[in-house]
Structures are given as structure tokens and as C-alpha cells.
């Protein structure tokens, strides 16, 4: 991401549950006060996914909470949102989504030059033993860092 972009929402669960193969950046078609809610960080991407339908990509189950001061301009928080990609990228996503075992998951929503964008990942679900291996590897790395840090303090 460039220096003038700011992450609004992360989907940490996606990195735990899926192995990300490839990623794309898409614009989001928002209505009403949704951008204000996003800027306030009132969104949730867990359990959300993207689906290619009739040559268009849509984001499902992404919750953007209603804006506090929105009133009647607020829309349904779980509505299906259209993602803006070019035809070539949509075709690649369609091929990947049709392949057995692959899905399209949103990884993060961020602002880029004032526009809300979503980073999509083509992902394969991890098995339980893969999750355990990843957790053990992360834990071992954390312990090694801790040991190095405490060992460096003892040398002073």
C-alpha cells in the first residue's frame, strides 16, 4: 500500500483460517453514510466473502454499522455491496472461485486517495493441523525473540 493509504478494517480471522494465494484491490460502491461509518472504524469483515455473479463481484456479509448521526440515510448494515474491478480481474476471480476448494475473502478495507478500497484474497481453507502448525511456529518464533531479548539485556 502507498504512503497515502490508511487501513480502516482488518480481517485477521481470514489469515488464520485461510492460506492466501493471490490478492486483488477493488473499489467499493457505498451509499449514504457508509463511508462515515468506515472512517469511524465501525465495520466488521469476519465471516464475509465475495462472489462473482453475472460478470460482477459482490461483497456478502460485510457489516458496516449504521452511522450514529445518519438518521434515515442509513442503509442495511449487512447489505450486499458491489465491488469495482476491471473485466480481466473479474474473469480471473471467476476462474479461481469455480476451482474446487478456493474462495474469495476480503482481507482489509482501506482508504486510498480518499476512496474506500477492499483487498480481496483468493484463498484455500486451512485444515486443523495446518492451523496448529502455524500457531506452534508463531509461538516458537515469539519464544526465540523473547530469549534473544532477555539474553541481550544480560550482556550489558
C-alpha atoms as a PDB file:
ATOM      1  CA  UNK A   1       0.000   0.000   0.000  1.00  0.00           C
ATOM      2  CA  UNK A   2       1.148   3.527  -0.681  1.00  0.00           C
ATOM      3  CA  UNK A   3       2.045   6.127   1.918  1.00  0.00           C
ATOM      4  CA  UNK A   4      -1.280   7.943   1.498  1.00  0.00           C
ATOM      5  CA  UNK A   5      -3.493   4.978   2.390  1.00  0.00           C
ATOM      6  CA  UNK A   6      -4.936   4.133   5.785  1.00  0.00           C
ATOM      7  CA  UNK A   7      -6.256   0.769   6.956  1.00  0.00           C
ATOM      8  CA  UNK A   8      -9.788   1.016   8.330  1.00  0.00           C
ATOM      9  CA  UNK A   9     -10.705  -2.640   8.967  1.00  0.00           C
ATOM     10  CA  UNK A  10      -8.608  -5.833   9.015  1.00  0.00           C
ATOM     11  CA  UNK A  11      -9.874  -9.388   8.668  1.00  0.00           C
ATOM     12  CA  UNK A  12      -7.391 -11.188  10.936  1.00  0.00           C
ATOM     13  CA  UNK A  13      -9.590 -14.267  11.008  1.00  0.00           C
ATOM     14  CA  UNK A  14      -9.012 -14.755   7.264  1.00  0.00           C
ATOM     15  CA  UNK A  15      -5.255 -15.126   7.755  1.00  0.00           C
ATOM     16  CA  UNK A  16      -5.904 -17.709  10.471  1.00  0.00           C
ATOM     17  CA  UNK A  17      -8.498 -19.741   8.574  1.00  0.00           C
ATOM     18  CA  UNK A  18      -7.164 -19.461   5.014  1.00  0.00           C
ATOM     19  CA  UNK A  19      -3.959 -19.717   3.033  1.00  0.00           C
ATOM     20  CA  UNK A  20      -3.925 -16.622   0.796  1.00  0.00           C
ATOM     21  CA  UNK A  21      -2.785 -17.479  -2.737  1.00  0.00           C
ATOM     22  CA  UNK A  22      -3.255 -14.205  -4.623  1.00  0.00           C
ATOM     23  CA  UNK A  23      -4.724 -10.789  -3.822  1.00  0.00           C
ATOM     24  CA  UNK A  24      -6.525  -8.007  -5.679  1.00  0.00           C
ATOM     25  CA  UNK A  25      -7.593  -4.459  -4.820  1.00  0.00           C
ATOM     26  CA  UNK A  26     -11.139  -3.368  -5.647  1.00  0.00           C
ATOM     27  CA  UNK A  27     -13.212  -0.262  -5.076  1.00  0.00           C
ATOM     28  CA  UNK A  28     -16.445  -0.499  -3.083  1.00  0.00           C
ATOM     29  CA  UNK A  29     -19.739   1.055  -4.192  1.00  0.00           C
ATOM     30  CA  UNK A  30     -21.026   2.676  -0.986  1.00  0.00           C
ATOM     31  CA  UNK A  31     -24.215   4.627  -0.380  1.00  0.00           C
ATOM     32  CA  UNK A  32     -25.319   7.246   2.091  1.00  0.00           C
ATOM     33  CA  UNK A  33     -23.363   7.454   5.302  1.00  0.00           C
ATOM     34  CA  UNK A  34     -21.429   4.184   4.944  1.00  0.00           C
ATOM     35  CA  UNK A  35     -18.117   5.970   4.283  1.00  0.00           C
ATOM     36  CA  UNK A  36     -18.523   7.923   7.545  1.00  0.00           C
ATOM     37  CA  UNK A  37     -19.032   4.673   9.457  1.00  0.00           C
ATOM     38  CA  UNK A  38     -15.981   3.173   7.750  1.00  0.00           C
ATOM     39  CA  UNK A  39     -13.840   6.188   8.646  1.00  0.00           C
ATOM     40  CA  UNK A  40     -15.006   5.764  12.255  1.00  0.00           C
ATOM     41  CA  UNK A  41     -13.867   2.115  12.095  1.00  0.00           C
ATOM     42  CA  UNK A  42     -17.351   0.681  12.591  1.00  0.00           C
ATOM     43  CA  UNK A  43     -17.105  -2.267  10.232  1.00  0.00           C
ATOM     44  CA  UNK A  44     -16.527  -5.997  10.541  1.00  0.00           C
ATOM     45  CA  UNK A  45     -15.217  -8.372   7.864  1.00  0.00           C
ATOM     46  CA  UNK A  46     -15.266 -11.660   9.776  1.00  0.00           C
ATOM     47  CA  UNK A  47     -17.402 -14.304   8.015  1.00  0.00           C
ATOM     48  CA  UNK A  48     -17.609 -12.136   4.882  1.00  0.00           C
ATOM     49  CA  UNK A  49     -16.859 -13.322   1.358  1.00  0.00           C
ATOM     50  CA  UNK A  50     -17.046 -12.172  -2.248  1.00  0.00           C
ATOM     51  CA  UNK A  51     -18.958 -13.862  -5.036  1.00  0.00           C
ATOM     52  CA  UNK A  52     -18.904 -13.381  -8.821  1.00  0.00           C
ATOM     53  CA  UNK A  53     -22.446 -13.078 -10.208  1.00  0.00           C
ATOM     54  CA  UNK A  54     -23.323 -12.191 -13.830  1.00  0.00           C
ATOM     55  CA  UNK A  55     -19.872 -10.753 -14.534  1.00  0.00           C
ATOM     56  CA  UNK A  56     -19.876  -8.583 -11.407  1.00  0.00           C
ATOM     57  CA  UNK A  57     -18.287  -9.100  -7.994  1.00  0.00           C
ATOM     58  CA  UNK A  58     -20.313  -8.594  -4.811  1.00  0.00           C
ATOM     59  CA  UNK A  59     -19.263  -8.487  -1.159  1.00  0.00           C
ATOM     60  CA  UNK A  60     -21.538 -10.507   1.154  1.00  0.00           C
ATOM     61  CA  UNK A  61     -21.843 -10.485   4.989  1.00  0.00           C
ATOM     62  CA  UNK A  62     -19.587  -7.447   5.451  1.00  0.00           C
ATOM     63  CA  UNK A  63     -21.085  -5.428   8.284  1.00  0.00           C
ATOM     64  CA  UNK A  64     -20.803  -1.638   8.135  1.00  0.00           C
ATOM     65  CA  UNK A  65     -22.670  -0.379  11.195  1.00  0.00           C
ATOM     66  CA  UNK A  66     -25.140   2.500  10.779  1.00  0.00           C
ATOM     67  CA  UNK A  67     -23.681   5.972  11.267  1.00  0.00           C
ATOM     68  CA  UNK A  68     -24.708   7.471  14.625  1.00  0.00           C
ATOM     69  CA  UNK A  69     -25.892  10.781  13.156  1.00  0.00           C
ATOM     70  CA  UNK A  70     -27.197   9.283   9.922  1.00  0.00           C
ATOM     71  CA  UNK A  71     -30.906   9.110  10.622  1.00  0.00           C
ATOM     72  CA  UNK A  72     -32.947   7.870   7.691  1.00  0.00           C
ATOM     73  CA  UNK A  73     -29.972   7.976   5.301  1.00  0.00           C
ATOM     74  CA  UNK A  74     -28.574   4.841   6.969  1.00  0.00           C
ATOM     75  CA  UNK A  75     -28.913   1.614   4.995  1.00  0.00           C
ATOM     76  CA  UNK A  76     -28.983  -2.063   5.973  1.00  0.00           C
ATOM     77  CA  UNK A  77     -25.632  -2.857   7.669  1.00  0.00           C
ATOM     78  CA  UNK A  78     -25.383  -6.311   6.040  1.00  0.00           C
ATOM     79  CA  UNK A  79     -26.450  -5.322   2.526  1.00  0.00           C
ATOM     80  CA  UNK A  80     -24.637  -6.800  -0.472  1.00  0.00           C
ATOM     81  CA  UNK A  81     -22.109  -4.309  -1.861  1.00  0.00           C
ATOM     82  CA  UNK A  82     -20.803  -4.175  -5.405  1.00  0.00           C
ATOM     83  CA  UNK A  83     -17.033  -4.295  -5.871  1.00  0.00           C
ATOM     84  CA  UNK A  84     -15.411  -2.372  -8.692  1.00  0.00           C
ATOM     85  CA  UNK A  85     -12.868  -4.341 -10.741  1.00  0.00           C
ATOM     86  CA  UNK A  86     -11.969  -4.473 -14.421  1.00  0.00           C
ATOM     87  CA  UNK A  87     -13.170  -7.313 -16.667  1.00  0.00           C
ATOM     88  CA  UNK A  88      -9.818  -9.128 -16.704  1.00  0.00           C
ATOM     89  CA  UNK A  89      -9.641  -9.232 -12.905  1.00  0.00           C
ATOM     90  CA  UNK A  90     -13.268 -10.370 -12.657  1.00  0.00           C
ATOM     91  CA  UNK A  91     -12.551 -13.192 -15.126  1.00  0.00           C
ATOM     92  CA  UNK A  92      -9.547 -14.337 -13.041  1.00  0.00           C
ATOM     93  CA  UNK A  93     -11.626 -14.246  -9.857  1.00  0.00           C
ATOM     94  CA  UNK A  94     -14.415 -16.223 -11.557  1.00  0.00           C
ATOM     95  CA  UNK A  95     -11.974 -18.956 -12.649  1.00  0.00           C
ATOM     96  CA  UNK A  96     -10.463 -19.104  -9.148  1.00  0.00           C
ATOM     97  CA  UNK A  97     -13.862 -19.186  -7.424  1.00  0.00           C
ATOM     98  CA  UNK A  98     -15.041 -22.027  -9.666  1.00  0.00           C
ATOM     99  CA  UNK A  99     -11.974 -24.116  -8.776  1.00  0.00           C
ATOM    100  CA  UNK A 100     -12.704 -26.616  -6.019  1.00  0.00           C
ATOM    101  CA  UNK A 101     -11.507 -25.574  -2.575  1.00  0.00           C
ATOM    102  CA  UNK A 102     -10.885 -21.900  -3.377  1.00  0.00           C
ATOM    103  CA  UNK A 103     -12.884 -18.901  -2.199  1.00  0.00           C
ATOM    104  CA  UNK A 104     -12.640 -15.111  -2.357  1.00  0.00           C
ATOM    105  CA  UNK A 105     -12.282 -13.430   1.037  1.00  0.00           C
ATOM    106  CA  UNK A 106     -11.866  -9.736   1.894  1.00  0.00           C
ATOM    107  CA  UNK A 107      -8.623  -9.155   3.788  1.00  0.00           C
ATOM    108  CA  UNK A 108      -8.813  -5.446   4.633  1.00  0.00           C
ATOM    109  CA  UNK A 109     -10.697  -2.257   3.870  1.00  0.00           C
ATOM    110  CA  UNK A 110      -8.568   0.844   3.498  1.00  0.00           C
ATOM    111  CA  UNK A 111      -8.690   4.399   2.203  1.00  0.00           C
ATOM    112  CA  UNK A 112      -6.564   5.245  -0.811  1.00  0.00           C
ATOM    113  CA  UNK A 113      -6.600   8.863  -2.017  1.00  0.00           C
ATOM    114  CA  UNK A 114      -9.914   9.348  -0.240  1.00  0.00           C
ATOM    115  CA  UNK A 115     -11.628   6.321  -1.799  1.00  0.00           C
ATOM    116  CA  UNK A 116     -12.616   3.192   0.112  1.00  0.00           C
ATOM    117  CA  UNK A 117     -10.945   0.075  -1.289  1.00  0.00           C
ATOM    118  CA  UNK A 118     -11.065  -3.569  -0.308  1.00  0.00           C
ATOM    119  CA  UNK A 119      -8.180  -6.010  -0.634  1.00  0.00           C
ATOM    120  CA  UNK A 120      -9.522  -9.376  -1.788  1.00  0.00           C
ATOM    121  CA  UNK A 121      -7.650 -12.633  -1.457  1.00  0.00           C
ATOM    122  CA  UNK A 122      -8.083 -15.858  -3.358  1.00  0.00           C
ATOM    123  CA  UNK A 123      -7.825 -18.331  -0.524  1.00  0.00           C
ATOM    124  CA  UNK A 124      -7.756 -22.031   0.244  1.00  0.00           C
ATOM    125  CA  UNK A 125      -9.107 -23.154   3.615  1.00  0.00           C
ATOM    126  CA  UNK A 126      -6.571 -24.431   6.119  1.00  0.00           C
ATOM    127  CA  UNK A 127      -7.035 -27.785   7.781  1.00  0.00           C
ATOM    128  CA  UNK A 128      -6.969 -28.016  11.570  1.00  0.00           C
ATOM    129  CA  UNK A 129      -3.443 -29.454  11.606  1.00  0.00           C
ATOM    130  CA  UNK A 130      -2.224 -26.569   9.385  1.00  0.00           C
ATOM    131  CA  UNK A 131      -3.647 -24.090  11.894  1.00  0.00           C
ATOM    132  CA  UNK A 132      -1.920 -25.914  14.759  1.00  0.00           C
ATOM    133  CA  UNK A 133       1.415 -25.931  12.889  1.00  0.00           C
ATOM    134  CA  UNK A 134       1.133 -22.205  12.163  1.00  0.00           C
ATOM    135  CA  UNK A 135       0.316 -21.476  15.804  1.00  0.00           C
ATOM    136  CA  UNK A 136       3.250 -23.607  17.044  1.00  0.00           C
ATOM    137  CA  UNK A 137       5.617 -21.881  14.607  1.00  0.00           C
ATOM    138  CA  UNK A 138       4.417 -18.441  15.727  1.00  0.00           C
ATOM    139  CA  UNK A 139       4.802 -19.432  19.385  1.00  0.00           C
ATOM    140  CA  UNK A 140       8.341 -20.772  18.827  1.00  0.00           C
ATOM    141  CA  UNK A 141       9.327 -17.593  17.000  1.00  0.00           C
ATOM    142  CA  UNK A 142       7.924 -15.477  19.849  1.00  0.00           C
ATOM    143  CA  UNK A 143       9.884 -17.526  22.421  1.00  0.00           C
ATOM    144  CA  UNK A 144      13.106 -17.172  20.404  1.00  0.00           C
ATOM    145  CA  UNK A 145      12.634 -13.401  20.194  1.00  0.00           C
ATOM    146  CA  UNK A 146      11.979 -13.254  23.933  1.00  0.00           C
ATOM    147  CA  UNK A 147      15.104 -15.328  24.676  1.00  0.00           C
ATOM    148  CA  UNK A 148      17.265 -13.138  22.439  1.00  0.00           C
ATOM    149  CA  UNK A 149      15.880 -10.003  24.035  1.00  0.00           C
ATOM    150  CA  UNK A 150      16.483 -11.229  27.614  1.00  0.00           C
ATOM    151  CA  UNK A 151      19.937 -12.558  26.642  1.00  0.00           C
ATOM    152  CA  UNK A 152      20.894  -9.197  25.146  1.00  0.00           C
ATOM    153  CA  UNK A 153      19.916  -7.423  28.386  1.00  0.00           C
ATOM    154  CA  UNK A 154      22.110  -9.770  30.421  1.00  0.00           C
ATOM    155  CA  UNK A 155      25.188  -8.900  28.325  1.00  0.00           C
ATOM    156  CA  UNK A 156      25.092  -5.202  29.246  1.00  0.00           C
END
